[in-house]
Every structure is written in C-alpha cells, then in structure tokens.
N, C-alpha and C. Protein backbone atom coordinates (compact mmCIF):
# COMPACT_ATOMS: atom_id res chain seq x y z
N UNK A 1 -3.27 -102.84 49.15
CA UNK A 1 -2.77 -102.14 50.34
C UNK A 1 -2.79 -103.21 51.55
N UNK A 2 -1.75 -103.33 52.09
CA UNK A 2 -1.38 -104.49 52.92
C UNK A 2 -2.07 -104.06 54.37
N UNK A 3 -2.46 -104.89 55.15
CA UNK A 3 -3.17 -104.56 56.47
C UNK A 3 -2.14 -103.55 57.25
N UNK A 4 -1.03 -103.77 57.34
CA UNK A 4 0.05 -103.09 58.06
C UNK A 4 -0.10 -101.55 57.55
N UNK A 5 -0.29 -101.45 56.28
CA UNK A 5 -0.45 -99.79 56.00
C UNK A 5 -1.79 -99.30 56.26
N UNK A 6 -2.81 -100.14 56.51
CA UNK A 6 -4.13 -99.69 56.80
C UNK A 6 -4.11 -98.88 58.21
N UNK A 7 -3.27 -99.19 58.97
CA UNK A 7 -3.23 -98.96 60.25
C UNK A 7 -1.92 -97.80 60.63
N UNK A 8 -1.11 -97.52 59.73
CA UNK A 8 0.28 -96.97 59.86
C UNK A 8 -0.30 -95.34 60.07
N UNK A 9 0.38 -94.82 61.05
CA UNK A 9 -0.10 -93.30 61.42
C UNK A 9 0.47 -92.38 60.26
N UNK A 10 -0.25 -91.41 59.99
CA UNK A 10 0.42 -90.48 59.11
C UNK A 10 1.46 -89.83 59.62
N UNK A 11 2.58 -89.30 58.77
CA UNK A 11 3.98 -88.97 59.25
C UNK A 11 3.55 -87.69 60.15
N UNK A 12 4.55 -87.38 60.81
CA UNK A 12 4.29 -85.96 61.61
C UNK A 12 4.37 -84.87 60.90
N UNK A 13 3.45 -83.88 60.97
CA UNK A 13 3.35 -82.73 60.13
C UNK A 13 2.19 -82.99 59.18
N UNK A 14 1.81 -84.23 58.84
CA UNK A 14 0.70 -84.55 57.77
C UNK A 14 -0.44 -84.76 58.91
N UNK A 15 -1.91 -84.38 58.40
CA UNK A 15 -2.84 -84.63 59.26
C UNK A 15 -4.02 -85.18 58.33
N UNK A 16 -4.80 -86.06 58.73
CA UNK A 16 -6.13 -86.40 58.18
C UNK A 16 -7.16 -85.49 59.06
N UNK A 17 -7.41 -84.29 58.57
CA UNK A 17 -8.57 -83.74 59.56
C UNK A 17 -9.46 -83.10 58.34
N UNK A 18 -10.86 -83.21 58.81
CA UNK A 18 -11.86 -82.71 57.72
C UNK A 18 -12.95 -82.11 58.80
N UNK A 19 -13.80 -81.46 57.81
CA UNK A 19 -15.03 -80.81 58.51
C UNK A 19 -16.17 -81.55 57.79
N UNK A 20 -17.06 -81.90 58.69
CA UNK A 20 -18.39 -82.57 57.94
C UNK A 20 -19.68 -81.83 58.39
N UNK A 21 -20.74 -81.98 57.64
CA UNK A 21 -21.91 -81.26 57.96
C UNK A 21 -22.87 -82.58 57.54
N UNK A 22 -23.75 -83.12 58.71
CA UNK A 22 -24.63 -84.01 58.51
C UNK A 22 -26.14 -83.39 58.41
N UNK A 23 -26.70 -83.83 57.40
CA UNK A 23 -28.25 -83.53 57.11
C UNK A 23 -29.01 -84.74 57.34
N UNK A 24 -30.34 -84.33 57.64
CA UNK A 24 -31.53 -85.20 57.82
C UNK A 24 -32.11 -84.96 59.23
N UNK A 25 -32.42 -86.12 59.85
CA UNK A 25 -32.91 -86.13 61.12
C UNK A 25 -31.85 -86.44 62.14
N UNK A 26 -31.26 -85.53 62.46
CA UNK A 26 -29.84 -85.52 63.11
C UNK A 26 -29.77 -84.85 64.52
N UNK A 27 -30.87 -84.06 64.77
CA UNK A 27 -30.92 -83.39 66.37
C UNK A 27 -31.87 -83.83 66.95
N UNK A 28 -31.75 -84.24 68.39
CA UNK A 28 -32.68 -84.46 69.15
C UNK A 28 -32.91 -86.06 69.15
N UNK A 29 -31.76 -86.78 68.32
CA UNK A 29 -31.92 -88.08 68.47
C UNK A 29 -30.73 -88.88 68.98
N UNK A 30 -29.84 -88.13 69.81
CA UNK A 30 -28.73 -88.50 70.29
C UNK A 30 -27.47 -88.71 69.55
N UNK A 31 -27.39 -87.92 68.41
CA UNK A 31 -26.37 -88.03 67.42
C UNK A 31 -24.98 -87.57 68.07
N UNK A 32 -24.91 -86.44 68.76
CA UNK A 32 -23.82 -86.02 69.32
C UNK A 32 -23.22 -87.07 70.29
N UNK A 33 -23.89 -87.46 71.32
CA UNK A 33 -23.29 -88.51 72.09
C UNK A 33 -23.15 -89.56 71.72
N UNK A 34 -23.96 -90.25 70.72
CA UNK A 34 -23.24 -91.36 69.87
C UNK A 34 -22.04 -91.00 69.28
N UNK A 35 -21.85 -89.89 68.67
CA UNK A 35 -20.56 -89.55 67.91
C UNK A 35 -19.50 -89.35 68.93
N UNK A 36 -19.82 -88.87 70.04
CA UNK A 36 -18.66 -88.60 70.98
C UNK A 36 -18.14 -89.95 71.46
N UNK A 37 -18.99 -90.89 71.61
CA UNK A 37 -18.67 -92.17 72.08
C UNK A 37 -17.61 -92.88 70.93
N UNK A 38 -18.30 -92.85 69.65
CA UNK A 38 -17.48 -93.42 68.53
C UNK A 38 -16.12 -92.74 68.42
N UNK A 39 -16.07 -91.26 68.57
CA UNK A 39 -14.70 -90.82 68.14
C UNK A 39 -13.79 -91.22 69.40
N UNK A 40 -14.21 -91.49 70.57
CA UNK A 40 -13.42 -91.62 71.58
C UNK A 40 -12.93 -93.25 71.42
N UNK A 41 -13.92 -94.03 71.07
CA UNK A 41 -13.51 -95.51 70.87
C UNK A 41 -12.46 -95.59 69.76
N UNK A 42 -12.65 -94.68 68.86
CA UNK A 42 -11.66 -94.80 67.58
C UNK A 42 -10.33 -94.23 67.74
N UNK A 43 -10.31 -93.22 68.69
CA UNK A 43 -9.10 -92.27 69.02
C UNK A 43 -9.07 -91.22 68.22
N UNK A 44 -10.19 -90.90 67.72
CA UNK A 44 -10.52 -89.51 66.78
C UNK A 44 -10.54 -88.12 67.55
N UNK A 45 -9.88 -87.17 67.15
CA UNK A 45 -9.92 -85.85 68.01
C UNK A 45 -10.73 -84.93 67.22
N UNK A 46 -11.51 -83.86 68.17
CA UNK A 46 -12.00 -82.94 67.25
C UNK A 46 -13.38 -82.54 68.18
N UNK A 47 -14.46 -82.27 67.48
CA UNK A 47 -15.78 -81.64 68.26
C UNK A 47 -16.95 -81.87 67.21
N UNK A 48 -18.18 -81.85 67.79
CA UNK A 48 -19.21 -81.89 67.00
C UNK A 48 -20.14 -80.78 67.76
N UNK A 49 -21.21 -80.32 67.08
CA UNK A 49 -22.37 -79.47 67.54
C UNK A 49 -23.53 -79.42 66.60
N UNK A 50 -24.64 -78.99 67.28
CA UNK A 50 -25.72 -78.76 66.41
C UNK A 50 -25.60 -77.34 65.86
N UNK A 51 -25.99 -77.26 64.76
CA UNK A 51 -26.22 -76.00 64.04
C UNK A 51 -27.74 -75.45 63.84
N UNK A 52 -27.64 -74.18 63.92
CA UNK A 52 -29.26 -73.66 63.66
C UNK A 52 -29.99 -74.11 62.62
N UNK A 53 -29.33 -74.62 61.45
CA UNK A 53 -30.18 -74.98 60.30
C UNK A 53 -30.48 -76.29 60.43
N UNK A 54 -30.51 -77.06 61.46
CA UNK A 54 -30.78 -78.31 61.74
C UNK A 54 -29.70 -79.66 61.42
N UNK A 55 -28.54 -79.11 61.09
CA UNK A 55 -27.43 -79.92 60.73
C UNK A 55 -26.69 -80.23 61.90
N UNK A 56 -25.86 -81.37 61.88
CA UNK A 56 -24.75 -81.40 62.91
C UNK A 56 -23.54 -81.10 62.21
N UNK A 57 -22.57 -80.39 62.62
CA UNK A 57 -21.26 -80.02 62.39
C UNK A 57 -20.33 -81.05 63.15
N UNK A 58 -19.37 -81.37 62.43
CA UNK A 58 -18.10 -82.06 62.76
C UNK A 58 -16.68 -81.63 62.45
N UNK A 59 -15.88 -81.55 63.22
CA UNK A 59 -14.41 -81.14 62.84
C UNK A 59 -13.69 -82.37 63.56
N UNK A 60 -12.89 -83.38 62.71
CA UNK A 60 -12.23 -84.49 63.18
C UNK A 60 -10.87 -84.51 62.50
N UNK A 61 -10.06 -85.04 63.33
CA UNK A 61 -8.73 -85.54 63.00
C UNK A 61 -8.41 -86.79 63.44
N UNK A 62 -7.91 -87.59 62.61
CA UNK A 62 -7.87 -89.10 62.71
C UNK A 62 -6.23 -89.10 62.44
N UNK A 63 -5.52 -90.12 63.21
CA UNK A 63 -4.23 -90.20 63.14
C UNK A 63 -3.66 -91.39 61.68
N UNK A 64 -4.80 -92.09 61.32
CA UNK A 64 -4.55 -92.99 60.26
C UNK A 64 -5.91 -93.07 59.40
N UNK A 65 -5.70 -93.41 58.04
CA UNK A 65 -6.99 -93.53 57.33
C UNK A 65 -7.75 -94.64 57.68
N UNK A 66 -7.51 -95.60 58.24
CA UNK A 66 -8.50 -96.72 58.68
C UNK A 66 -9.48 -96.25 59.78
N UNK A 67 -8.82 -95.26 60.64
CA UNK A 67 -9.88 -94.74 61.53
C UNK A 67 -10.77 -93.93 61.11
N UNK A 68 -10.44 -92.85 60.10
CA UNK A 68 -11.09 -91.92 59.29
C UNK A 68 -12.06 -92.83 58.52
N UNK A 69 -11.88 -93.86 57.88
CA UNK A 69 -12.61 -94.49 56.89
C UNK A 69 -13.85 -95.15 57.89
N UNK A 70 -13.48 -95.69 59.10
CA UNK A 70 -14.54 -96.12 59.97
C UNK A 70 -15.37 -95.10 60.24
N UNK A 71 -14.80 -93.99 60.83
CA UNK A 71 -15.83 -92.75 61.10
C UNK A 71 -16.76 -92.38 60.14
N UNK A 72 -16.12 -92.33 58.97
CA UNK A 72 -17.04 -91.58 57.92
C UNK A 72 -18.13 -92.86 57.62
N UNK A 73 -17.92 -94.05 57.45
CA UNK A 73 -18.89 -95.16 57.19
C UNK A 73 -19.88 -94.81 58.28
N UNK A 74 -19.59 -95.01 59.56
CA UNK A 74 -20.50 -94.59 60.63
C UNK A 74 -21.47 -93.47 60.59
N UNK A 75 -20.82 -92.29 60.02
CA UNK A 75 -21.38 -91.02 60.03
C UNK A 75 -22.55 -90.97 58.88
N UNK A 76 -22.40 -91.84 57.89
CA UNK A 76 -23.54 -92.25 56.82
C UNK A 76 -24.84 -93.01 57.54
N UNK A 77 -24.57 -93.74 58.60
CA UNK A 77 -25.60 -94.56 58.98
C UNK A 77 -26.17 -93.53 60.43
N UNK A 78 -25.37 -93.01 61.38
CA UNK A 78 -25.77 -92.44 62.35
C UNK A 78 -26.49 -93.26 63.52
N UNK A 79 -26.86 -92.76 64.67
CA UNK A 79 -27.42 -93.77 65.76
C UNK A 79 -28.81 -94.36 65.32
N UNK A 80 -29.26 -95.18 65.69
CA UNK A 80 -30.29 -96.00 65.63
C UNK A 80 -31.70 -94.74 65.24
N UNK A 81 -32.02 -93.79 66.10
CA UNK A 81 -33.13 -92.93 65.94
C UNK A 81 -32.82 -91.95 64.86
N UNK A 82 -31.67 -91.87 64.37
CA UNK A 82 -31.39 -90.70 63.23
C UNK A 82 -31.63 -91.15 61.73
N UNK A 83 -31.89 -90.15 61.12
CA UNK A 83 -32.05 -90.60 59.67
C UNK A 83 -31.12 -89.60 58.73
N UNK A 84 -29.64 -90.08 58.35
CA UNK A 84 -28.66 -89.25 57.74
C UNK A 84 -29.23 -89.23 56.33
N UNK A 85 -29.46 -87.87 55.60
CA UNK A 85 -29.75 -87.87 54.22
C UNK A 85 -28.44 -87.49 53.36
N UNK A 86 -27.72 -86.82 54.07
CA UNK A 86 -26.33 -86.29 53.41
C UNK A 86 -25.21 -86.17 54.21
N UNK A 87 -24.11 -86.50 53.85
CA UNK A 87 -22.78 -86.11 54.25
C UNK A 87 -21.96 -85.17 53.54
N UNK A 88 -21.78 -83.98 54.10
CA UNK A 88 -20.84 -83.02 53.35
C UNK A 88 -19.41 -83.17 53.96
N UNK A 89 -18.43 -83.00 53.08
CA UNK A 89 -16.96 -83.39 53.79
C UNK A 89 -15.96 -82.33 52.84
N UNK A 90 -15.30 -81.56 53.80
CA UNK A 90 -14.13 -80.78 53.13
C UNK A 90 -12.78 -80.74 54.11
N UNK A 91 -11.92 -80.52 53.55
CA UNK A 91 -10.60 -80.34 54.26
C UNK A 91 -10.82 -79.54 55.26
N UNK A 92 -10.17 -79.62 56.42
CA UNK A 92 -10.03 -78.77 57.61
C UNK A 92 -8.69 -78.30 58.03
N UNK A 93 -8.35 -77.19 58.01
CA UNK A 93 -6.85 -76.73 58.29
C UNK A 93 -6.64 -76.22 59.59
N UNK A 94 -7.77 -75.95 60.40
CA UNK A 94 -7.69 -75.21 61.81
C UNK A 94 -6.89 -76.19 62.75
N UNK A 95 -6.65 -75.74 63.90
CA UNK A 95 -6.07 -76.44 64.97
C UNK A 95 -7.22 -77.12 65.62
N UNK A 96 -6.93 -78.59 66.05
CA UNK A 96 -7.83 -79.17 66.68
C UNK A 96 -7.27 -79.81 67.90
N UNK A 97 -7.85 -79.63 69.02
CA UNK A 97 -7.45 -79.84 70.35
C UNK A 97 -7.54 -81.44 70.65
N UNK A 98 -6.68 -82.25 71.64
CA UNK A 98 -6.58 -83.34 71.81
C UNK A 98 -8.05 -83.94 72.22
N UNK A 99 -8.64 -85.04 72.13
CA UNK A 99 -9.94 -85.68 72.72
C UNK A 99 -10.94 -85.06 71.90
N UNK A 100 -12.13 -85.56 72.01
CA UNK A 100 -13.20 -85.24 71.50
C UNK A 100 -14.55 -84.52 72.28
N UNK A 101 -14.91 -83.58 72.03
CA UNK A 101 -16.15 -82.97 72.67
C UNK A 101 -17.38 -82.47 72.08
N UNK A 102 -18.30 -82.24 72.91
CA UNK A 102 -19.62 -81.60 72.23
C UNK A 102 -19.51 -80.31 72.53
N UNK A 103 -19.76 -79.33 71.69
CA UNK A 103 -19.79 -77.78 71.70
C UNK A 103 -21.24 -77.50 71.66
N UNK A 104 -21.56 -76.26 72.18
CA UNK A 104 -22.92 -75.71 72.05
C UNK A 104 -23.05 -75.25 70.64
N UNK A 105 -24.45 -75.19 70.62
CA UNK A 105 -25.12 -74.90 69.27
C UNK A 105 -24.53 -73.79 68.83
N UNK A 106 -24.36 -73.56 67.39
CA UNK A 106 -24.09 -72.27 66.57
C UNK A 106 -24.81 -72.10 65.62
C-alpha cells in the first residue's frame, strides 16, 4: 500500500467505526483522560466510559485506516499506570457525534 493510500479518507457514506472493550487495570489510572487526549490528537470521534464490570468501553469513528490503526495500537498499551490484558473489538453501526468525550459510568 502506498503512503498516499494510508491517509486517504474513506468515501462518503462509508465509515470506520468500532466498539471496543478494554480489560485489565484500566480504571483509576487515567485511562479515559489519556484516551480523550489521544483521540483528539488523532482526529478520532466518539466516546469512552468506565463500565461497572471494571472495563473501559470505547466507541470510535476514524476518517481513515491509518488513524484507526494508530488508535488500536495505543489501546493495547494504554497509559503508563494501566495494564491492558485484552482488547475486544466489534463493528459499531450507531451514530457517533463529532468530537471525543468522556461519558458517565454505565
């Protein structure tokens, strides 16, 4: 794949959006604030929130594959104080607002 294709936006009507569940030591370690900063720097839209089961839930939409690949690589690492044991990923078909925000725990 050429470098030009890495950064090409997906065609209108097509989206790269996914639902993630992050398992491990991911609450109380600054994961959501770290993720909000990362998403904003990458231009990724969506939200994250803590879940009652101790995971962090993320819904994200990226305009191109390179941004999504970068986000996913970082999700497997997490911030310094976190320990990511597992990342679950599935397609997401719902609406995602512009920007990235932290929601209340669900």
